C-alpha atoms as a PDB file:
ATOM      1  CA  UNK A   1      -2.581  18.619  20.670  1.00  0.00           C
ATOM      2  CA  UNK A   2      -4.178  16.258  18.236  1.00  0.00           C
ATOM      3  CA  UNK A   3      -6.183  17.087  15.140  1.00  0.00           C
ATOM      4  CA  UNK A   4      -9.557  16.578  16.838  1.00  0.00           C
ATOM      5  CA  UNK A   5      -8.956  19.292  19.453  1.00  0.00           C
ATOM      6  CA  UNK A   6      -7.315  21.644  16.947  1.00  0.00           C
ATOM      7  CA  UNK A   7     -10.298  21.335  14.608  1.00  0.00           C
ATOM      8  CA  UNK A   8     -12.711  21.897  17.501  1.00  0.00           C
ATOM      9  CA  UNK A   9     -10.762  24.965  18.663  1.00  0.00           C
ATOM     10  CA  UNK A  10     -10.722  26.449  15.152  1.00  0.00           C
ATOM     11  CA  UNK A  11     -14.473  25.891  14.835  1.00  0.00           C
ATOM     12  CA  UNK A  12     -15.114  27.484  18.229  1.00  0.00           C
ATOM     13  CA  UNK A  13     -13.047  30.557  17.347  1.00  0.00           C
ATOM     14  CA  UNK A  14     -15.428  31.308  14.480  1.00  0.00           C
ATOM     15  CA  UNK A  15     -18.570  29.888  16.097  1.00  0.00           C
ATOM     16  CA  UNK A  16     -21.930  31.439  15.392  1.00  0.00           C
ATOM     17  CA  UNK A  17     -24.913  29.601  16.793  1.00  0.00           C
ATOM     18  CA  UNK A  18     -28.364  30.680  15.636  1.00  0.00           C
ATOM     19  CA  UNK A  19     -30.106  33.445  17.544  1.00  0.00           C
ATOM     20  CA  UNK A  20     -33.873  33.328  17.908  1.00  0.00           C
ATOM     21  CA  UNK A  21     -34.528  35.356  14.744  1.00  0.00           C
ATOM     22  CA  UNK A  22     -32.273  32.975  12.775  1.00  0.00           C
ATOM     23  CA  UNK A  23     -34.206  29.845  13.728  1.00  0.00           C
ATOM     24  CA  UNK A  24     -36.358  28.386  10.929  1.00  0.00           C
ATOM     25  CA  UNK A  25     -39.476  30.444  10.241  1.00  0.00           C
ATOM     26  CA  UNK A  26     -41.424  27.418   9.054  1.00  0.00           C
ATOM     27  CA  UNK A  27     -42.492  24.764  11.539  1.00  0.00           C
ATOM     28  CA  UNK A  28     -40.524  21.534  11.165  1.00  0.00           C
ATOM     29  CA  UNK A  29     -41.390  17.867  11.540  1.00  0.00           C
ATOM     30  CA  UNK A  30     -39.449  15.834  14.120  1.00  0.00           C
ATOM     31  CA  UNK A  31     -36.881  14.419  11.671  1.00  0.00           C
ATOM     32  CA  UNK A  32     -36.208  17.941  10.349  1.00  0.00           C
ATOM     33  CA  UNK A  33     -35.776  19.242  13.907  1.00  0.00           C
ATOM     34  CA  UNK A  34     -33.262  16.483  14.659  1.00  0.00           C
ATOM     35  CA  UNK A  35     -31.284  17.313  11.530  1.00  0.00           C
ATOM     36  CA  UNK A  36     -31.380  21.063  12.222  1.00  0.00           C
ATOM     37  CA  UNK A  37     -30.429  20.881  15.912  1.00  0.00           C
ATOM     38  CA  UNK A  38     -27.766  18.195  15.500  1.00  0.00           C
ATOM     39  CA  UNK A  39     -26.303  20.170  12.601  1.00  0.00           C
ATOM     40  CA  UNK A  40     -26.378  23.461  14.486  1.00  0.00           C
ATOM     41  CA  UNK A  41     -24.775  21.985  17.599  1.00  0.00           C
ATOM     42  CA  UNK A  42     -22.245  19.680  15.943  1.00  0.00           C
ATOM     43  CA  UNK A  43     -19.531  22.319  16.353  1.00  0.00           C
ATOM     44  CA  UNK A  44     -20.198  22.560  20.092  1.00  0.00           C
ATOM     45  CA  UNK A  45     -19.640  18.893  20.897  1.00  0.00           C
ATOM     46  CA  UNK A  46     -15.971  18.100  20.503  1.00  0.00           C
ATOM     47  CA  UNK A  47     -16.511  14.386  20.025  1.00  0.00           C
ATOM     48  CA  UNK A  48     -19.737  14.755  18.028  1.00  0.00           C
ATOM     49  CA  UNK A  49     -18.682  12.149  15.495  1.00  0.00           C
ATOM     50  CA  UNK A  50     -18.403   9.600  18.304  1.00  0.00           C
ATOM     51  CA  UNK A  51     -21.792  10.453  19.761  1.00  0.00           C
ATOM     52  CA  UNK A  52     -23.869  11.695  16.836  1.00  0.00           C
ATOM     53  CA  UNK A  53     -26.709   9.425  17.882  1.00  0.00           C
ATOM     54  CA  UNK A  54     -26.528  10.685  21.467  1.00  0.00           C
ATOM     55  CA  UNK A  55     -26.549  14.463  21.041  1.00  0.00           C
ATOM     56  CA  UNK A  56     -30.268  14.576  20.266  1.00  0.00           C
ATOM     57  CA  UNK A  57     -32.749  11.843  19.421  1.00  0.00           C
ATOM     58  CA  UNK A  58     -36.486  11.711  18.846  1.00  0.00           C
ATOM     59  CA  UNK A  59     -36.869   9.845  22.162  1.00  0.00           C
ATOM     60  CA  UNK A  60     -35.215  12.734  23.981  1.00  0.00           C
ATOM     61  CA  UNK A  61     -37.576  15.292  22.448  1.00  0.00           C
ATOM     62  CA  UNK A  62     -40.597  13.106  23.228  1.00  0.00           C
ATOM     63  CA  UNK A  63     -39.339  12.828  26.815  1.00  0.00           C
ATOM     64  CA  UNK A  64     -39.049  16.622  27.130  1.00  0.00           C
ATOM     65  CA  UNK A  65     -42.660  17.000  25.983  1.00  0.00           C
ATOM     66  CA  UNK A  66     -43.918  14.117  28.137  1.00  0.00           C
ATOM     67  CA  UNK A  67     -42.257  15.599  31.222  1.00  0.00           C
ATOM     68  CA  UNK A  68     -43.595  19.069  30.356  1.00  0.00           C
ATOM     69  CA  UNK A  69     -40.138  20.599  30.031  1.00  0.00           C
ATOM     70  CA  UNK A  70     -41.275  22.070  26.723  1.00  0.00           C
ATOM     71  CA  UNK A  71     -44.681  22.465  25.055  1.00  0.00           C
ATOM     72  CA  UNK A  72     -45.951  19.731  22.734  1.00  0.00           C
ATOM     73  CA  UNK A  73     -45.656  20.152  18.965  1.00  0.00           C
ATOM     74  CA  UNK A  74     -48.575  21.675  17.099  1.00  0.00           C
ATOM     75  CA  UNK A  75     -49.985  19.186  14.566  1.00  0.00           C
ATOM     76  CA  UNK A  76     -46.688  17.242  14.797  1.00  0.00           C
ATOM     77  CA  UNK A  77     -44.673  20.348  13.885  1.00  0.00           C
ATOM     78  CA  UNK A  78     -42.119  22.260  15.934  1.00  0.00           C
ATOM     79  CA  UNK A  79     -41.826  26.049  15.662  1.00  0.00           C
ATOM     80  CA  UNK A  80     -39.149  28.536  16.745  1.00  0.00           C
ATOM     81  CA  UNK A  81     -40.105  28.300  20.423  1.00  0.00           C
ATOM     82  CA  UNK A  82     -39.778  24.520  20.355  1.00  0.00           C
ATOM     83  CA  UNK A  83     -36.422  24.619  18.594  1.00  0.00           C
ATOM     84  CA  UNK A  84     -35.088  27.203  21.052  1.00  0.00           C
ATOM     85  CA  UNK A  85     -36.192  24.947  23.933  1.00  0.00           C
ATOM     86  CA  UNK A  86     -34.585  21.903  22.328  1.00  0.00           C
ATOM     87  CA  UNK A  87     -31.240  23.612  21.692  1.00  0.00           C
ATOM     88  CA  UNK A  88     -31.140  24.987  25.227  1.00  0.00           C
ATOM     89  CA  UNK A  89     -32.098  21.680  26.831  1.00  0.00           C
ATOM     90  CA  UNK A  90     -29.619  19.726  24.690  1.00  0.00           C
ATOM     91  CA  UNK A  91     -26.736  21.800  26.059  1.00  0.00           C
ATOM     92  CA  UNK A  92     -27.886  22.292  29.644  1.00  0.00           C
ATOM     93  CA  UNK A  93     -28.830  18.654  30.247  1.00  0.00           C
ATOM     94  CA  UNK A  94     -25.133  17.845  29.874  1.00  0.00           C
ATOM     95  CA  UNK A  95     -24.430  19.559  33.196  1.00  0.00           C
ATOM     96  CA  UNK A  96     -27.732  19.535  35.116  1.00  0.00           C
ATOM     97  CA  UNK A  97     -30.754  17.312  35.619  1.00  0.00           C
ATOM     98  CA  UNK A  98     -33.850  17.977  33.528  1.00  0.00           C
ATOM     99  CA  UNK A  99     -35.844  19.295  36.481  1.00  0.00           C
ATOM    100  CA  UNK A 100     -33.250  21.990  37.171  1.00  0.00           C
ATOM    101  CA  UNK A 101     -32.971  22.781  33.467  1.00  0.00           C
ATOM    102  CA  UNK A 102     -36.746  23.188  33.276  1.00  0.00           C
ATOM    103  CA  UNK A 103     -36.856  25.495  36.303  1.00  0.00           C
ATOM    104  CA  UNK A 104     -33.978  27.582  34.949  1.00  0.00           C
ATOM    105  CA  UNK A 105     -35.625  27.985  31.548  1.00  0.00           C
ATOM    106  CA  UNK A 106     -38.935  28.984  33.135  1.00  0.00           C
ATOM    107  CA  UNK A 107     -37.235  31.529  35.416  1.00  0.00           C
ATOM    108  CA  UNK A 108     -35.206  33.170  32.650  1.00  0.00           C
ATOM    109  CA  UNK A 109     -38.184  33.255  30.314  1.00  0.00           C
ATOM    110  CA  UNK A 110     -40.189  35.059  33.018  1.00  0.00           C
ATOM    111  CA  UNK A 111     -37.362  37.521  33.681  1.00  0.00           C
ATOM    112  CA  UNK A 112     -36.151  38.211  30.122  1.00  0.00           C
ATOM    113  CA  UNK A 113     -38.833  36.902  27.789  1.00  0.00           C
ATOM    114  CA  UNK A 114     -38.309  33.893  25.541  1.00  0.00           C
ATOM    115  CA  UNK A 115     -36.393  35.653  22.761  1.00  0.00           C
ATOM    116  CA  UNK A 116     -33.914  37.519  24.966  1.00  0.00           C
ATOM    117  CA  UNK A 117     -33.442  34.494  27.259  1.00  0.00           C
ATOM    118  CA  UNK A 118     -32.520  32.278  24.312  1.00  0.00           C
ATOM    119  CA  UNK A 119     -30.258  34.879  22.714  1.00  0.00           C
ATOM    120  CA  UNK A 120     -28.474  35.506  26.026  1.00  0.00           C
ATOM    121  CA  UNK A 121     -27.969  31.765  26.478  1.00  0.00           C
ATOM    122  CA  UNK A 122     -26.392  31.473  23.020  1.00  0.00           C
ATOM    123  CA  UNK A 123     -24.119  34.481  23.654  1.00  0.00           C
ATOM    124  CA  UNK A 124     -22.970  33.072  27.010  1.00  0.00           C
ATOM    125  CA  UNK A 125     -22.383  29.655  25.423  1.00  0.00           C
ATOM    126  CA  UNK A 126     -20.278  31.045  22.587  1.00  0.00           C
ATOM    127  CA  UNK A 127     -18.226  33.186  24.986  1.00  0.00           C
ATOM    128  CA  UNK A 128     -17.645  30.317  27.420  1.00  0.00           C
ATOM    129  CA  UNK A 129     -16.507  28.015  24.625  1.00  0.00           C
ATOM    130  CA  UNK A 130     -14.177  30.677  23.214  1.00  0.00           C
ATOM    131  CA  UNK A 131     -12.671  31.280  26.668  1.00  0.00           C
ATOM    132  CA  UNK A 132     -12.022  27.534  26.995  1.00  0.00           C
ATOM    133  CA  UNK A 133     -10.193  27.390  23.688  1.00  0.00           C
ATOM    134  CA  UNK A 134      -7.988  30.279  24.768  1.00  0.00           C
ATOM    135  CA  UNK A 135      -7.094  28.389  27.926  1.00  0.00           C
ATOM    136  CA  UNK A 136      -6.159  25.331  25.872  1.00  0.00           C
ATOM    137  CA  UNK A 137      -3.834  27.556  23.841  1.00  0.00           C
ATOM    138  CA  UNK A 138      -2.407  28.894  27.111  1.00  0.00           C
ATOM    139  CA  UNK A 139      -3.547  32.383  26.130  1.00  0.00           C
ATOM    140  CA  UNK A 140      -5.907  32.741  29.012  1.00  0.00           C
ATOM    141  CA  UNK A 141      -8.325  35.666  28.841  1.00  0.00           C
ATOM    142  CA  UNK A 142     -10.177  35.880  32.141  1.00  0.00           C
ATOM    143  CA  UNK A 143     -12.173  38.976  31.242  1.00  0.00           C
ATOM    144  CA  UNK A 144     -15.242  36.891  30.358  1.00  0.00           C
ATOM    145  CA  UNK A 145     -15.168  35.207  33.753  1.00  0.00           C
ATOM    146  CA  UNK A 146     -14.715  38.508  35.576  1.00  0.00           C
ATOM    147  CA  UNK A 147     -17.457  40.417  33.777  1.00  0.00           C
ATOM    148  CA  UNK A 148     -20.280  40.810  36.294  1.00  0.00           C
ATOM    149  CA  UNK A 149     -23.814  39.899  35.279  1.00  0.00           C
ATOM    150  CA  UNK A 150     -27.206  40.426  36.831  1.00  0.00           C
ATOM    151  CA  UNK A 151     -27.948  37.854  39.534  1.00  0.00           C
ATOM    152  CA  UNK A 152     -30.805  36.491  37.386  1.00  0.00           C
ATOM    153  CA  UNK A 153     -28.287  35.685  34.639  1.00  0.00           C
ATOM    154  CA  UNK A 154     -25.561  34.241  36.849  1.00  0.00           C
ATOM    155  CA  UNK A 155     -26.952  30.666  36.836  1.00  0.00           C
ATOM    156  CA  UNK A 156     -27.098  30.737  33.038  1.00  0.00           C
ATOM    157  CA  UNK A 157     -23.581  32.111  32.659  1.00  0.00           C
ATOM    158  CA  UNK A 158     -22.285  29.583  35.198  1.00  0.00           C
ATOM    159  CA  UNK A 159     -24.022  26.725  33.378  1.00  0.00           C
ATOM    160  CA  UNK A 160     -22.433  27.643  30.047  1.00  0.00           C
ATOM    161  CA  UNK A 161     -19.006  27.898  31.696  1.00  0.00           C
ATOM    162  CA  UNK A 162     -19.598  24.483  33.284  1.00  0.00           C
ATOM    163  CA  UNK A 163     -20.544  23.031  29.893  1.00  0.00           C
ATOM    164  CA  UNK A 164     -17.439  24.452  28.193  1.00  0.00           C
ATOM    165  CA  UNK A 165     -15.255  23.220  31.058  1.00  0.00           C
ATOM    166  CA  UNK A 166     -16.842  19.778  30.861  1.00  0.00           C
ATOM    167  CA  UNK A 167     -16.133  19.534  27.130  1.00  0.00           C
ATOM    168  CA  UNK A 168     -12.508  20.479  27.701  1.00  0.00           C
ATOM    169  CA  UNK A 169     -12.160  18.138  30.707  1.00  0.00           C
ATOM    170  CA  UNK A 170     -13.576  15.177  28.766  1.00  0.00           C
ATOM    171  CA  UNK A 171     -11.037  15.745  26.015  1.00  0.00           C
ATOM    172  CA  UNK A 172      -8.102  16.196  28.398  1.00  0.00           C
ATOM    173  CA  UNK A 173      -9.019  13.171  30.506  1.00  0.00           C
ATOM    174  CA  UNK A 174      -9.305  11.067  27.354  1.00  0.00           C
ATOM    175  CA  UNK A 175      -5.856  12.278  26.302  1.00  0.00           C
ATOM    176  CA  UNK A 176      -4.118  11.462  29.588  1.00  0.00           C
ATOM    177  CA  UNK A 177      -5.795   8.062  29.784  1.00  0.00           C
ATOM    178  CA  UNK A 178      -4.343   7.118  26.391  1.00  0.00           C
ATOM    179  CA  UNK A 179      -0.673   6.338  27.154  1.00  0.00           C
ATOM    180  CA  UNK A 180       0.109   5.534  23.505  1.00  0.00           C
ATOM    181  CA  UNK A 181      -0.431   9.113  22.343  1.00  0.00           C
ATOM    182  CA  UNK A 182       2.374  11.618  22.422  1.00  0.00           C
ATOM    183  CA  UNK A 183       1.784  14.723  24.508  1.00  0.00           C
ATOM    184  CA  UNK A 184       2.613  17.696  22.314  1.00  0.00           C
ATOM    185  CA  UNK A 185       2.257  21.357  23.173  1.00  0.00           C
END
């Protein structure tokens, strides 16, 4: 394993993404939102340094508002609800189209309320990422995958597992497509 994956795995082992109550209390301007979200999620994206401009941009946020996936800012400022939407969309759009992401967010918000829906998403995401790192270390712990959840939460749990699997698959496919690198266990 190379340094990039080892660093990512170490970061994931101690990951703590912000829960709703930990999001900024003060409303933020767009450039502050970009800095906050990109900073908060940098640990999640294994190749973040390669795609720092692509994780979240102002155009993406404007598109989410334009397509009514999230509410518009209030006097050009984004509050906790906006930031929770943006973090959730930034992750989920990696594995689903924006229409499906929007429907999923609306459903979970109706079922759980906005705070619990966001917090549950973050918990599922952290657990899925940690389970992926264990698999990379060949210390597979399948308990997370076998823990049953309410049917309303199953799409969310599945989406976070898909995201974690996609991150791992992208890394592994990049590794096997580079014949000049040594394969080390």
